[in-house]
Amino acid sequence: MNTSISTDLIRGHTDTILLNILRQGESYGYEIYKKIIELSNNKYELKEATLYTAFRRLEKEGYIISFWGDETQGGRRKYYRITEAGMERYEQNKKDWEFAKEILDQLIKGGINDGK
């Protein structure tokens, strides 16, 4: 039995996943990376390259902002914070996901005897 989810199934939802995490509070890359693994109960790991590509895209689109932390120990961290536009984008993406989930459920399970 496969114990991890296919990257293909997640690919279109990376932005929404990141916005969901950031709507709970500002954070930095590695912490977000760990949070995704934790939220998926170790069934999904977002590759770092994908994570940072998504950060750049979300920032360019105005959904998040980045800033440098003021750590005195070790290297400085780049933090990310969701914007008001990012909150709106998250809510819209969540609605789109709920709608798509219903349709997919019908397409995958529906039909003769309603999938029984």
PDB file of N, CA and C in Angstrom:
ATOM      1  N   MET A   1       0.837  -1.196   0.000  1.00  0.00           N
ATOM      2  CA  MET A   1       0.000   0.000   0.000  1.00  0.00           C
ATOM      3  C   MET A   1       0.875   1.252   0.000  1.00  0.00           C
ATOM      4  N   ASN A   2       0.533   2.217  -0.828  1.00  0.00           N
ATOM      5  CA  ASN A   2       1.294   3.455  -0.912  1.00  0.00           C
ATOM      6  C   ASN A   2       0.990   4.313   0.315  1.00  0.00           C
ATOM      7  N   THR A   3       2.051   4.759   0.994  1.00  0.00           N
ATOM      8  CA  THR A   3       1.840   5.539   2.216  1.00  0.00           C
ATOM      9  C   THR A   3       2.112   7.027   2.035  1.00  0.00           C
ATOM     10  N   SER A   4       2.337   7.448   0.789  1.00  0.00           N
ATOM     11  CA  SER A   4       2.500   8.881   0.546  1.00  0.00           C
ATOM     12  C   SER A   4       1.641   9.284  -0.651  1.00  0.00           C
ATOM     13  N   ILE A   5       1.278  10.547  -0.688  1.00  0.00           N
ATOM     14  CA  ILE A   5       0.400  11.035  -1.753  1.00  0.00           C
ATOM     15  C   ILE A   5       1.233  11.418  -2.984  1.00  0.00           C
ATOM     16  N   SER A   6       0.658  11.237  -4.137  1.00  0.00           N
ATOM     17  CA  SER A   6       1.326  11.575  -5.392  1.00  0.00           C
ATOM     18  C   SER A   6       1.525  13.082  -5.510  1.00  0.00           C
ATOM     19  N   THR A   7       2.726  13.465  -5.912  1.00  0.00           N
ATOM     20  CA  THR A   7       3.034  14.879  -6.124  1.00  0.00           C
ATOM     21  C   THR A   7       2.102  15.480  -7.170  1.00  0.00           C
ATOM     22  N   ASP A   8       1.717  14.675  -8.168  1.00  0.00           N
ATOM     23  CA  ASP A   8       0.823  15.160  -9.222  1.00  0.00           C
ATOM     24  C   ASP A   8      -0.516  15.625  -8.650  1.00  0.00           C
ATOM     25  N   LEU A   9      -1.014  14.930  -7.635  1.00  0.00           N
ATOM     26  CA  LEU A   9      -2.297  15.303  -7.031  1.00  0.00           C
ATOM     27  C   LEU A   9      -2.208  16.611  -6.255  1.00  0.00           C
ATOM     28  N   ILE A  10      -1.030  16.919  -5.751  1.00  0.00           N
ATOM     29  CA  ILE A  10      -0.842  18.096  -4.905  1.00  0.00           C
ATOM     30  C   ILE A  10      -0.430  19.324  -5.706  1.00  0.00           C
ATOM     31  N   ARG A  11       0.240  19.100  -6.828  1.00  0.00           N
ATOM     32  CA  ARG A  11       0.909  20.181  -7.562  1.00  0.00           C
ATOM     33  C   ARG A  11       0.096  21.465  -7.695  1.00  0.00           C
ATOM     34  N   GLY A  12      -1.143  21.371  -8.087  1.00  0.00           N
ATOM     35  CA  GLY A  12      -1.956  22.560  -8.292  1.00  0.00           C
ATOM     36  C   GLY A  12      -2.402  23.239  -7.007  1.00  0.00           C
ATOM     37  N   HIS A  13      -2.056  22.665  -5.867  1.00  0.00           N
ATOM     38  CA  HIS A  13      -2.540  23.191  -4.589  1.00  0.00           C
ATOM     39  C   HIS A  13      -1.433  23.727  -3.693  1.00  0.00           C
ATOM     40  N   THR A  14      -0.206  23.754  -4.223  1.00  0.00           N
ATOM     41  CA  THR A  14       0.940  24.215  -3.429  1.00  0.00           C
ATOM     42  C   THR A  14       0.699  25.604  -2.855  1.00  0.00           C
ATOM     43  N   ASP A  15       0.234  26.537  -3.683  1.00  0.00           N
ATOM     44  CA  ASP A  15       0.015  27.907  -3.222  1.00  0.00           C
ATOM     45  C   ASP A  15      -0.994  27.952  -2.081  1.00  0.00           C
ATOM     46  N   THR A  16      -2.069  27.196  -2.227  1.00  0.00           N
ATOM     47  CA  THR A  16      -3.115  27.186  -1.196  1.00  0.00           C
ATOM     48  C   THR A  16      -2.589  26.594   0.106  1.00  0.00           C
ATOM     49  N   ILE A  17      -1.770  25.556   0.007  1.00  0.00           N
ATOM     50  CA  ILE A  17      -1.161  24.933   1.192  1.00  0.00           C
ATOM     51  C   ILE A  17      -0.295  25.960   1.922  1.00  0.00           C
ATOM     52  N   LEU A  18       0.537  26.678   1.164  1.00  0.00           N
ATOM     53  CA  LEU A  18       1.419  27.679   1.775  1.00  0.00           C
ATOM     54  C   LEU A  18       0.611  28.828   2.378  1.00  0.00           C
ATOM     55  N   LEU A  19      -0.411  29.271   1.669  1.00  0.00           N
ATOM     56  CA  LEU A  19      -1.256  30.351   2.201  1.00  0.00           C
ATOM     57  C   LEU A  19      -1.966  29.905   3.474  1.00  0.00           C
ATOM     58  N   ASN A  20      -2.388  28.650   3.515  1.00  0.00           N
ATOM     59  CA  ASN A  20      -3.033  28.122   4.716  1.00  0.00           C
ATOM     60  C   ASN A  20      -2.087  28.182   5.912  1.00  0.00           C
ATOM     61  N   ILE A  21      -0.855  27.780   5.704  1.00  0.00           N
ATOM     62  CA  ILE A  21       0.120  27.801   6.800  1.00  0.00           C
ATOM     63  C   ILE A  21       0.408  29.236   7.228  1.00  0.00           C
ATOM     64  N   LEU A  22       0.583  30.127   6.260  1.00  0.00           N
ATOM     65  CA  LEU A  22       0.923  31.517   6.594  1.00  0.00           C
ATOM     66  C   LEU A  22      -0.250  32.300   7.180  1.00  0.00           C
ATOM     67  N   ARG A  23      -1.478  31.868   6.910  1.00  0.00           N
ATOM     68  CA  ARG A  23      -2.612  32.590   7.515  1.00  0.00           C
ATOM     69  C   ARG A  23      -2.652  32.312   9.022  1.00  0.00           C
ATOM     70  N   GLN A  24      -1.916  31.298   9.465  1.00  0.00           N
ATOM     71  CA  GLN A  24      -1.846  30.957  10.889  1.00  0.00           C
ATOM     72  C   GLN A  24      -0.705  31.688  11.597  1.00  0.00           C
ATOM     73  N   GLY A  25       0.095  32.412  10.806  1.00  0.00           N
ATOM     74  CA  GLY A  25       1.194  33.186  11.396  1.00  0.00           C
ATOM     75  C   GLY A  25       2.398  33.202  10.480  1.00  0.00           C
ATOM     76  N   GLU A  26       3.198  34.262  10.589  1.00  0.00           N
ATOM     77  CA  GLU A  26       4.384  34.357   9.744  1.00  0.00           C
ATOM     78  C   GLU A  26       5.354  33.229  10.083  1.00  0.00           C
ATOM     79  N   SER A  27       6.156  32.873   9.095  1.00  0.00           N
ATOM     80  CA  SER A  27       7.063  31.753   9.285  1.00  0.00           C
ATOM     81  C   SER A  27       8.197  31.832   8.273  1.00  0.00           C
ATOM     82  N   TYR A  28       9.166  30.940   8.402  1.00  0.00           N
ATOM     83  CA  TYR A  28      10.287  30.899   7.467  1.00  0.00           C
ATOM     84  C   TYR A  28      10.321  29.532   6.776  1.00  0.00           C
ATOM     85  N   GLY A  29      11.084  29.454   5.708  1.00  0.00           N
ATOM     86  CA  GLY A  29      11.084  28.292   4.825  1.00  0.00           C
ATOM     87  C   GLY A  29      11.156  26.928   5.483  1.00  0.00           C
ATOM     88  N   TYR A  30      12.170  26.694   6.312  1.00  0.00           N
ATOM     89  CA  TYR A  30      12.342  25.359   6.880  1.00  0.00           C
ATOM     90  C   TYR A  30      11.206  25.010   7.835  1.00  0.00           C
ATOM     91  N   GLU A  31      10.733  25.996   8.575  1.00  0.00           N
ATOM     92  CA  GLU A  31       9.621  25.768   9.505  1.00  0.00           C
ATOM     93  C   GLU A  31       8.355  25.390   8.717  1.00  0.00           C
ATOM     94  N   ILE A  32       8.133  26.058   7.587  1.00  0.00           N
ATOM     95  CA  ILE A  32       6.980  25.766   6.738  1.00  0.00           C
ATOM     96  C   ILE A  32       7.120  24.363   6.134  1.00  0.00           C
ATOM     97  N   TYR A  33       8.318  24.043   5.680  1.00  0.00           N
ATOM     98  CA  TYR A  33       8.622  22.719   5.137  1.00  0.00           C
ATOM     99  C   TYR A  33       8.260  21.626   6.161  1.00  0.00           C
ATOM    100  N   LYS A  34       8.700  21.805   7.407  1.00  0.00           N
ATOM    101  CA  LYS A  34       8.404  20.837   8.470  1.00  0.00           C
ATOM    102  C   LYS A  34       6.906  20.774   8.784  1.00  0.00           C
ATOM    103  N   LYS A  35       6.241  21.934   8.739  1.00  0.00           N
ATOM    104  CA  LYS A  35       4.807  22.008   9.048  1.00  0.00           C
ATOM    105  C   LYS A  35       3.992  21.216   8.015  1.00  0.00           C
ATOM    106  N   ILE A  36       4.405  21.276   6.750  1.00  0.00           N
ATOM    107  CA  ILE A  36       3.703  20.536   5.696  1.00  0.00           C
ATOM    108  C   ILE A  36       3.810  19.026   5.951  1.00  0.00           C
ATOM    109  N   ILE A  37       4.993  18.573   6.324  1.00  0.00           N
ATOM    110  CA  ILE A  37       5.185  17.151   6.646  1.00  0.00           C
ATOM    111  C   ILE A  37       4.306  16.771   7.840  1.00  0.00           C
ATOM    112  N   GLU A  38       4.301  17.641   8.842  1.00  0.00           N
ATOM    113  CA  GLU A  38       3.506  17.395  10.057  1.00  0.00           C
ATOM    114  C   GLU A  38       2.011  17.354   9.746  1.00  0.00           C
ATOM    115  N   LEU A  39       1.513  18.343   8.990  1.00  0.00           N
ATOM    116  CA  LEU A  39       0.082  18.403   8.660  1.00  0.00           C
ATOM    117  C   LEU A  39      -0.377  17.193   7.847  1.00  0.00           C
ATOM    118  N   SER A  40       0.534  16.633   7.049  1.00  0.00           N
ATOM    119  CA  SER A  40       0.175  15.480   6.214  1.00  0.00           C
ATOM    120  C   SER A  40       0.442  14.148   6.927  1.00  0.00           C
ATOM    121  N   ASN A  41       0.771  14.203   8.203  1.00  0.00           N
ATOM    122  CA  ASN A  41       1.117  12.987   8.958  1.00  0.00           C
ATOM    123  C   ASN A  41       2.210  12.187   8.243  1.00  0.00           C
ATOM    124  N   ASN A  42       3.244  12.894   7.808  1.00  0.00           N
ATOM    125  CA  ASN A  42       4.408  12.300   7.130  1.00  0.00           C
ATOM    126  C   ASN A  42       4.072  11.625   5.800  1.00  0.00           C
ATOM    127  N   LYS A  43       2.971  12.018   5.179  1.00  0.00           N
ATOM    128  CA  LYS A  43       2.582  11.411   3.900  1.00  0.00           C
ATOM    129  C   LYS A  43       2.918  12.295   2.702  1.00  0.00           C
ATOM    130  N   TYR A  44       3.379  13.530   2.979  1.00  0.00           N
ATOM    131  CA  TYR A  44       3.742  14.416   1.877  1.00  0.00           C
ATOM    132  C   TYR A  44       4.887  15.323   2.294  1.00  0.00           C
ATOM    133  N   GLU A  45       5.849  15.429   1.397  1.00  0.00           N
ATOM    134  CA  GLU A  45       6.994  16.313   1.614  1.00  0.00           C
ATOM    135  C   GLU A  45       7.123  17.204   0.389  1.00  0.00           C
ATOM    136  N   LEU A  46       7.027  18.503   0.589  1.00  0.00           N
ATOM    137  CA  LEU A  46       7.155  19.453  -0.512  1.00  0.00           C
ATOM    138  C   LEU A  46       8.633  19.712  -0.731  1.00  0.00           C
ATOM    139  N   LYS A  47       9.111  19.461  -1.929  1.00  0.00           N
ATOM    140  CA  LYS A  47      10.525  19.665  -2.226  1.00  0.00           C
ATOM    141  C   LYS A  47      10.883  21.138  -2.025  1.00  0.00           C
ATOM    142  N   GLU A  48      12.094  21.353  -1.508  1.00  0.00           N
ATOM    143  CA  GLU A  48      12.522  22.725  -1.206  1.00  0.00           C
ATOM    144  C   GLU A  48      12.489  23.631  -2.429  1.00  0.00           C
ATOM    145  N   ALA A  49      12.917  23.122  -3.578  1.00  0.00           N
ATOM    146  CA  ALA A  49      12.925  23.927  -4.806  1.00  0.00           C
ATOM    147  C   ALA A  49      11.508  24.386  -5.143  1.00  0.00           C
ATOM    148  N   THR A  50      10.535  23.484  -4.992  1.00  0.00           N
ATOM    149  CA  THR A  50       9.129  23.805  -5.261  1.00  0.00           C
ATOM    150  C   THR A  50       8.643  24.865  -4.275  1.00  0.00           C
ATOM    151  N   LEU A  51       9.041  24.710  -3.024  1.00  0.00           N
ATOM    152  CA  LEU A  51       8.647  25.635  -1.963  1.00  0.00           C
ATOM    153  C   LEU A  51       9.119  27.053  -2.279  1.00  0.00           C
ATOM    154  N   TYR A  52      10.397  27.199  -2.612  1.00  0.00           N
ATOM    155  CA  TYR A  52      10.946  28.537  -2.850  1.00  0.00           C
ATOM    156  C   TYR A  52      10.455  29.143  -4.158  1.00  0.00           C
ATOM    157  N   THR A  53      10.177  28.305  -5.152  1.00  0.00           N
ATOM    158  CA  THR A  53       9.576  28.790  -6.402  1.00  0.00           C
ATOM    159  C   THR A  53       8.191  29.354  -6.098  1.00  0.00           C
ATOM    160  N   ALA A  54       7.437  28.638  -5.262  1.00  0.00           N
ATOM    161  CA  ALA A  54       6.085  29.088  -4.880  1.00  0.00           C
ATOM    162  C   ALA A  54       6.159  30.392  -4.078  1.00  0.00           C
ATOM    163  N   PHE A  55       7.132  30.510  -3.164  1.00  0.00           N
ATOM    164  CA  PHE A  55       7.300  31.750  -2.399  1.00  0.00           C
ATOM    165  C   PHE A  55       7.502  32.933  -3.340  1.00  0.00           C
ATOM    166  N   ARG A  56       8.393  32.758  -4.326  1.00  0.00           N
ATOM    167  CA  ARG A  56       8.679  33.845  -5.270  1.00  0.00           C
ATOM    168  C   ARG A  56       7.428  34.227  -6.060  1.00  0.00           C
ATOM    169  N   ARG A  57       6.694  33.202  -6.522  1.00  0.00           N
ATOM    170  CA  ARG A  57       5.472  33.448  -7.295  1.00  0.00           C
ATOM    171  C   ARG A  57       4.420  34.168  -6.441  1.00  0.00           C
ATOM    172  N   LEU A  58       4.204  33.695  -5.230  1.00  0.00           N
ATOM    173  CA  LEU A  58       3.208  34.295  -4.340  1.00  0.00           C
ATOM    174  C   LEU A  58       3.568  35.733  -3.975  1.00  0.00           C
ATOM    175  N   GLU A  59       4.857  35.979  -3.806  1.00  0.00           N
ATOM    176  CA  GLU A  59       5.285  37.341  -3.464  1.00  0.00           C
ATOM    177  C   GLU A  59       5.104  38.268  -4.669  1.00  0.00           C
ATOM    178  N   LYS A  60       5.461  37.780  -5.839  1.00  0.00           N
ATOM    179  CA  LYS A  60       5.314  38.575  -7.069  1.00  0.00           C
ATOM    180  C   LYS A  60       3.844  38.935  -7.292  1.00  0.00           C
ATOM    181  N   GLU A  61       2.940  38.004  -6.944  1.00  0.00           N
ATOM    182  CA  GLU A  61       1.506  38.232  -7.133  1.00  0.00           C
ATOM    183  C   GLU A  61       0.884  39.040  -6.000  1.00  0.00           C
ATOM    184  N   GLY A  62       1.678  39.367  -4.981  1.00  0.00           N
ATOM    185  CA  GLY A  62       1.185  40.206  -3.884  1.00  0.00           C
ATOM    186  C   GLY A  62       0.431  39.451  -2.798  1.00  0.00           C
ATOM    187  N   TYR A  63       0.536  38.122  -2.791  1.00  0.00           N
ATOM    188  CA  TYR A  63      -0.198  37.321  -1.797  1.00  0.00           C
ATOM    189  C   TYR A  63       0.575  37.127  -0.498  1.00  0.00           C
ATOM    190  N   ILE A  64       1.892  37.279  -0.583  1.00  0.00           N
ATOM    191  CA  ILE A  64       2.721  37.206   0.620  1.00  0.00           C
ATOM    192  C   ILE A  64       3.793  38.296   0.515  1.00  0.00           C
ATOM    193  N   ILE A  65       4.387  38.629   1.657  1.00  0.00           N
ATOM    194  CA  ILE A  65       5.557  39.508   1.664  1.00  0.00           C
ATOM    195  C   ILE A  65       6.654  38.786   2.434  1.00  0.00           C
ATOM    196  N   SER A  66       7.897  39.117   2.113  1.00  0.00           N
ATOM    197  CA  SER A  66       9.018  38.508   2.827  1.00  0.00           C
ATOM    198  C   SER A  66       9.821  39.597   3.516  1.00  0.00           C
ATOM    199  N   PHE A  67      10.499  39.206   4.585  1.00  0.00           N
ATOM    200  CA  PHE A  67      11.361  40.141   5.314  1.00  0.00           C
ATOM    201  C   PHE A  67      12.403  39.328   6.067  1.00  0.00           C
ATOM    202  N   TRP A  68      13.518  39.973   6.358  1.00  0.00           N
ATOM    203  CA  TRP A  68      14.592  39.297   7.084  1.00  0.00           C
ATOM    204  C   TRP A  68      14.354  39.383   8.578  1.00  0.00           C
ATOM    205  N   GLY A  69      14.565  38.270   9.255  1.00  0.00           N
ATOM    206  CA  GLY A  69      14.444  38.242  10.707  1.00  0.00           C
ATOM    207  C   GLY A  69      15.623  38.946  11.337  1.00  0.00           C
ATOM    208  N   ASP A  70      15.557  39.169  12.637  1.00  0.00           N
ATOM    209  CA  ASP A  70      16.660  39.856  13.314  1.00  0.00           C
ATOM    210  C   ASP A  70      17.365  38.919  14.291  1.00  0.00           C
ATOM    211  N   GLU A  71      17.557  37.661  13.847  1.00  0.00           N
ATOM    212  CA  GLU A  71      18.237  36.689  14.693  1.00  0.00           C
ATOM    213  C   GLU A  71      19.647  37.175  15.035  1.00  0.00           C
ATOM    214  N   THR A  72      20.028  36.992  16.277  1.00  0.00           N
ATOM    215  CA  THR A  72      21.388  37.357  16.675  1.00  0.00           C
ATOM    216  C   THR A  72      22.293  36.129  16.631  1.00  0.00           C
ATOM    217  N   GLN A  73      21.709  34.960  16.725  1.00  0.00           N
ATOM    218  CA  GLN A  73      22.476  33.703  16.669  1.00  0.00           C
ATOM    219  C   GLN A  73      22.286  33.063  15.299  1.00  0.00           C
ATOM    220  N   GLY A  74      23.382  32.577  14.706  1.00  0.00           N
ATOM    221  CA  GLY A  74      23.283  31.854  13.432  1.00  0.00           C
ATOM    222  C   GLY A  74      22.924  32.767  12.272  1.00  0.00           C
ATOM    223  N   GLY A  75      22.551  32.145  11.142  1.00  0.00           N
ATOM    224  CA  GLY A  75      22.203  32.906   9.939  1.00  0.00           C
ATOM    225  C   GLY A  75      20.863  33.585  10.053  1.00  0.00           C
ATOM    226  N   ARG A  76      20.712  34.679   9.332  1.00  0.00           N
ATOM    227  CA  ARG A  76      19.423  35.374   9.314  1.00  0.00           C
ATOM    228  C   ARG A  76      18.430  34.562   8.491  1.00  0.00           C
ATOM    229  N   ARG A  77      17.199  34.588   8.926  1.00  0.00           N
ATOM    230  CA  ARG A  77      16.142  33.857   8.225  1.00  0.00           C
ATOM    231  C   ARG A  77      15.258  34.825   7.464  1.00  0.00           C
ATOM    232  N   LYS A  78      14.799  34.347   6.314  1.00  0.00           N
ATOM    233  CA  LYS A  78      13.823  35.120   5.547  1.00  0.00           C
ATOM    234  C   LYS A  78      12.446  34.625   5.971  1.00  0.00           C
ATOM    235  N   TYR A  79      11.635  35.537   6.466  1.00  0.00           N
ATOM    236  CA  TYR A  79      10.293  35.201   6.927  1.00  0.00           C
ATOM    237  C   TYR A  79       9.275  35.595   5.861  1.00  0.00           C
ATOM    238  N   TYR A  80       8.128  34.922   5.926  1.00  0.00           N
ATOM    239  CA  TYR A  80       7.042  35.196   4.995  1.00  0.00           C
ATOM    240  C   TYR A  80       5.785  35.477   5.793  1.00  0.00           C
ATOM    241  N   ARG A  81       4.990  36.423   5.267  1.00  0.00           N
ATOM    242  CA  ARG A  81       3.737  36.809   5.918  1.00  0.00           C
ATOM    243  C   ARG A  81       2.673  36.936   4.832  1.00  0.00           C
ATOM    244  N   ILE A  82       1.470  36.466   5.134  1.00  0.00           N
ATOM    245  CA  ILE A  82       0.368  36.556   4.173  1.00  0.00           C
ATOM    246  C   ILE A  82      -0.165  37.994   4.158  1.00  0.00           C
ATOM    247  N   THR A  83      -0.599  38.443   2.990  1.00  0.00           N
ATOM    248  CA  THR A  83      -1.202  39.772   2.859  1.00  0.00           C
ATOM    249  C   THR A  83      -2.728  39.627   2.851  1.00  0.00           C
ATOM    250  N   GLU A  84      -3.417  40.752   2.854  1.00  0.00           N
ATOM    251  CA  GLU A  84      -4.880  40.731   2.762  1.00  0.00           C
ATOM    252  C   GLU A  84      -5.310  40.056   1.452  1.00  0.00           C
ATOM    253  N   ALA A  85      -4.604  40.385   0.370  1.00  0.00           N
ATOM    254  CA  ALA A  85      -4.898  39.763  -0.930  1.00  0.00           C
ATOM    255  C   ALA A  85      -4.653  38.256  -0.861  1.00  0.00           C
ATOM    256  N   GLY A  86      -3.643  37.861  -0.100  1.00  0.00           N
ATOM    257  CA  GLY A  86      -3.342  36.445   0.077  1.00  0.00           C
ATOM    258  C   GLY A  86      -4.449  35.719   0.826  1.00  0.00           C
ATOM    259  N   MET A  87      -5.024  36.391   1.822  1.00  0.00           N
ATOM    260  CA  MET A  87      -6.149  35.801   2.570  1.00  0.00           C
ATOM    261  C   MET A  87      -7.343  35.597   1.640  1.00  0.00           C
ATOM    262  N   GLU A  88      -7.594  36.595   0.797  1.00  0.00           N
ATOM    263  CA  GLU A  88      -8.707  36.488  -0.150  1.00  0.00           C
ATOM    264  C   GLU A  88      -8.456  35.363  -1.154  1.00  0.00           C
ATOM    265  N   ARG A  89      -7.215  35.262  -1.652  1.00  0.00           N
ATOM    266  CA  ARG A  89      -6.836  34.213  -2.596  1.00  0.00           C
ATOM    267  C   ARG A  89      -7.013  32.846  -1.944  1.00  0.00           C
ATOM    268  N   TYR A  90      -6.598  32.718  -0.671  1.00  0.00           N
ATOM    269  CA  TYR A  90      -6.752  31.460   0.063  1.00  0.00           C
ATOM    270  C   TYR A  90      -8.231  31.058   0.140  1.00  0.00           C
ATOM    271  N   GLU A  91      -9.081  32.009   0.519  1.00  0.00           N
ATOM    272  CA  GLU A  91     -10.517  31.715   0.654  1.00  0.00           C
ATOM    273  C   GLU A  91     -11.114  31.277  -0.682  1.00  0.00           C
ATOM    274  N   GLN A  92     -10.720  31.949  -1.762  1.00  0.00           N
ATOM    275  CA  GLN A  92     -11.222  31.587  -3.087  1.00  0.00           C
ATOM    276  C   GLN A  92     -10.718  30.200  -3.503  1.00  0.00           C
ATOM    277  N   ASN A  93      -9.442  29.943  -3.272  1.00  0.00           N
ATOM    278  CA  ASN A  93      -8.869  28.637  -3.609  1.00  0.00           C
ATOM    279  C   ASN A  93      -9.547  27.516  -2.823  1.00  0.00           C
ATOM    280  N   LYS A  94      -9.880  27.810  -1.567  1.00  0.00           N
ATOM    281  CA  LYS A  94     -10.546  26.818  -0.720  1.00  0.00           C
ATOM    282  C   LYS A  94     -11.936  26.497  -1.288  1.00  0.00           C
ATOM    283  N   LYS A  95     -12.661  27.535  -1.712  1.00  0.00           N
ATOM    284  CA  LYS A  95     -13.979  27.321  -2.331  1.00  0.00           C
ATOM    285  C   LYS A  95     -13.843  26.514  -3.618  1.00  0.00           C
ATOM    286  N   ASP A  96     -12.851  26.892  -4.434  1.00  0.00           N
ATOM    287  CA  ASP A  96     -12.609  26.166  -5.692  1.00  0.00           C
ATOM    288  C   ASP A  96     -12.304  24.695  -5.409  1.00  0.00           C
ATOM    289  N   TRP A  97     -11.511  24.444  -4.359  1.00  0.00           N
ATOM    290  CA  TRP A  97     -11.149  23.077  -3.987  1.00  0.00           C
ATOM    291  C   TRP A  97     -12.392  22.286  -3.561  1.00  0.00           C
ATOM    292  N   GLU A  98     -13.234  22.887  -2.745  1.00  0.00           N
ATOM    293  CA  GLU A  98     -14.451  22.206  -2.280  1.00  0.00           C
ATOM    294  C   GLU A  98     -15.330  21.823  -3.475  1.00  0.00           C
ATOM    295  N   PHE A  99     -15.447  22.739  -4.430  1.00  0.00           N
ATOM    296  CA  PHE A  99     -16.253  22.490  -5.628  1.00  0.00           C
ATOM    297  C   PHE A  99     -15.631  21.353  -6.450  1.00  0.00           C
ATOM    298  N   ALA A 100     -14.320  21.436  -6.679  1.00  0.00           N
ATOM    299  CA  ALA A 100     -13.621  20.415  -7.474  1.00  0.00           C
ATOM    300  C   ALA A 100     -13.706  19.049  -6.800  1.00  0.00           C
ATOM    301  N   LYS A 101     -13.628  19.033  -5.478  1.00  0.00           N
ATOM    302  CA  LYS A 101     -13.684  17.775  -4.722  1.00  0.00           C
ATOM    303  C   LYS A 101     -15.027  17.073  -4.945  1.00  0.00           C
ATOM    304  N   GLU A 102     -16.100  17.857  -4.914  1.00  0.00           N
ATOM    305  CA  GLU A 102     -17.440  17.291  -5.160  1.00  0.00           C
ATOM    306  C   GLU A 102     -17.537  16.699  -6.562  1.00  0.00           C
ATOM    307  N   ILE A 103     -17.069  17.453  -7.551  1.00  0.00           N
ATOM    308  CA  ILE A 103     -17.131  16.997  -8.943  1.00  0.00           C
ATOM    309  C   ILE A 103     -16.280  15.747  -9.128  1.00  0.00           C
ATOM    310  N   LEU A 104     -15.065  15.764  -8.599  1.00  0.00           N
ATOM    311  CA  LEU A 104     -14.171  14.603  -8.735  1.00  0.00           C
ATOM    312  C   LEU A 104     -14.767  13.373  -8.070  1.00  0.00           C
ATOM    313  N   ASP A 105     -15.381  13.579  -6.922  1.00  0.00           N
ATOM    314  CA  ASP A 105     -16.016  12.467  -6.222  1.00  0.00           C
ATOM    315  C   ASP A 105     -17.082  11.823  -7.114  1.00  0.00           C
ATOM    316  N   GLN A 106     -17.880  12.649  -7.774  1.00  0.00           N
ATOM    317  CA  GLN A 106     -18.911  12.133  -8.690  1.00  0.00           C
ATOM    318  C   GLN A 106     -18.289  11.431  -9.893  1.00  0.00           C
ATOM    319  N   LEU A 107     -17.226  12.043 -10.447  1.00  0.00           N
ATOM    320  CA  LEU A 107     -16.591  11.466 -11.626  1.00  0.00           C
ATOM    321  C   LEU A 107     -15.876  10.149 -11.343  1.00  0.00           C
ATOM    322  N   ILE A 108     -15.313  10.035 -10.140  1.00  0.00           N
ATOM    323  CA  ILE A 108     -14.543   8.840  -9.785  1.00  0.00           C
ATOM    324  C   ILE A 108     -15.428   7.741  -9.207  1.00  0.00           C
ATOM    325  N   LYS A 109     -16.427   8.114  -8.402  1.00  0.00           N
ATOM    326  CA  LYS A 109     -17.259   7.121  -7.735  1.00  0.00           C
ATOM    327  C   LYS A 109     -18.645   6.960  -8.336  1.00  0.00           C
ATOM    328  N   GLY A 110     -19.135   7.988  -9.030  1.00  0.00           N
ATOM    329  CA  GLY A 110     -20.512   7.978  -9.519  1.00  0.00           C
ATOM    330  C   GLY A 110     -20.734   7.064 -10.704  1.00  0.00           C
ATOM    331  N   GLY A 111     -22.002   6.854 -11.002  1.00  0.00           N
ATOM    332  CA  GLY A 111     -22.337   6.019 -12.154  1.00  0.00           C
ATOM    333  C   GLY A 111     -23.261   4.888 -11.770  1.00  0.00           C
ATOM    334  N   ILE A 112     -23.002   3.722 -12.332  1.00  0.00           N
ATOM    335  CA  ILE A 112     -23.860   2.545 -12.083  1.00  0.00           C
ATOM    336  C   ILE A 112     -23.951   2.278 -10.581  1.00  0.00           C
ATOM    337  N   ASN A 113     -25.154   2.239 -10.080  1.00  0.00           N
ATOM    338  CA  ASN A 113     -25.431   2.020  -8.644  1.00  0.00           C
ATOM    339  C   ASN A 113     -24.695   3.016  -7.758  1.00  0.00           C
ATOM    340  N   ASP A 114     -24.380   4.182  -8.305  1.00  0.00           N
ATOM    341  CA  ASP A 114     -23.669   5.213  -7.537  1.00  0.00           C
ATOM    342  C   ASP A 114     -22.432   4.687  -6.830  1.00  0.00           C
ATOM    343  N   GLY A 115     -21.645   3.896  -7.540  1.00  0.00           N
ATOM    344  CA  GLY A 115     -20.346   3.473  -7.043  1.00  0.00           C
ATOM    345  C   GLY A 115     -20.369   2.404  -5.984  1.00  0.00           C
ATOM    346  N   LYS A 116     -21.525   1.759  -5.798  1.00  0.00           N
ATOM    347  CA  LYS A 116     -21.595   0.718  -4.758  1.00  0.00           C
ATOM    348  C   LYS A 116     -21.068  -0.595  -5.273  1.00  0.00           C
TER     349      LYS A 116
END
